[in-house]
Amino acid sequence: MRAQERVEYAKKLLDEIGLGSDRLEFFHIAASEAPLFAKTGEKMTERAREMGPNPLRSVK
């Protein structure tokens, strides 16, 4: 999948600049899987909260 390859490349870039690849994830969820979509969204929201704010935002 081309999109998956792009996400993997972007994750490498995030690691290189110090943001961490955990901030980006790719999910292939069908439109008929609404409960899975909601659960995945909650999981990613929790992950973002655990990581905290962008560490580069405070650098000026």
Protein backbone atom coordinates (compact mmCIF):
# COMPACT_ATOMS: atom_id res chain seq x y z
CA MET A 1 0.00 0.00 0.00
CA ARG A 2 1.35 3.34 -0.97
CA ALA A 3 -0.22 5.13 2.00
CA GLN A 4 1.39 2.69 4.46
CA GLU A 5 4.80 3.30 2.89
CA ARG A 6 4.34 7.05 3.24
CA VAL A 7 3.35 6.71 6.88
CA GLU A 8 6.42 4.56 7.60
CA TYR A 9 8.63 7.18 5.94
CA ALA A 10 6.97 9.97 7.93
CA LYS A 11 7.50 8.00 11.15
CA LYS A 12 11.23 7.76 10.37
CA LEU A 13 11.32 11.52 9.84
CA LEU A 14 9.54 12.12 13.15
CA ASP A 15 12.15 10.03 14.94
CA GLU A 16 14.97 11.92 13.21
CA ILE A 17 13.69 15.32 14.33
CA GLY A 18 13.01 14.16 17.88
CA LEU A 19 9.23 14.02 17.93
CA GLY A 20 8.95 10.26 18.08
CA SER A 21 7.22 7.97 15.64
CA ASP A 22 4.56 7.03 18.21
CA ARG A 23 2.77 10.27 17.36
CA LEU A 24 1.72 8.87 13.98
CA GLU A 25 -0.16 5.67 13.19
CA PHE A 26 -1.94 4.22 10.18
CA PHE A 27 -5.21 2.32 10.51
CA HIS A 28 -7.20 0.69 7.74
CA ILE A 29 -10.77 0.59 9.06
CA ALA A 30 -13.82 -0.06 6.89
CA ALA A 31 -16.77 2.31 7.06
CA SER A 32 -18.90 -0.50 8.45
CA GLU A 33 -16.63 -0.86 11.49
CA ALA A 34 -17.80 2.17 13.45
CA PRO A 35 -17.16 0.64 16.91
CA LEU A 36 -13.58 -0.20 15.92
CA PHE A 37 -13.11 3.34 14.59
CA ALA A 38 -14.33 4.83 17.86
CA LYS A 39 -12.17 2.50 19.97
CA THR A 40 -9.11 3.30 17.85
CA GLY A 41 -9.76 7.03 18.16
CA GLU A 42 -9.99 6.74 21.94
CA LYS A 43 -6.77 4.71 22.03
CA MET A 44 -4.88 7.30 19.96
CA THR A 45 -6.28 10.16 22.06
CA GLU A 46 -5.03 8.46 25.22
CA ARG A 47 -1.63 7.87 23.63
CA ALA A 48 -1.40 11.56 22.71
CA ARG A 49 -2.27 12.59 26.27
CA GLU A 50 0.40 10.28 27.68
CA MET A 51 3.05 11.72 25.34
CA GLY A 52 2.18 15.27 26.27
CA PRO A 53 2.62 18.37 24.16
CA ASN A 54 4.88 18.70 21.17
CA PRO A 55 8.44 18.82 22.61
CA LEU A 56 9.60 21.12 19.80
CA ARG A 57 6.88 23.70 20.38
CA SER A 58 8.66 25.15 23.44
CA VAL A 59 11.96 25.53 21.54
CA LYS A 60 12.36 29.02 20.08
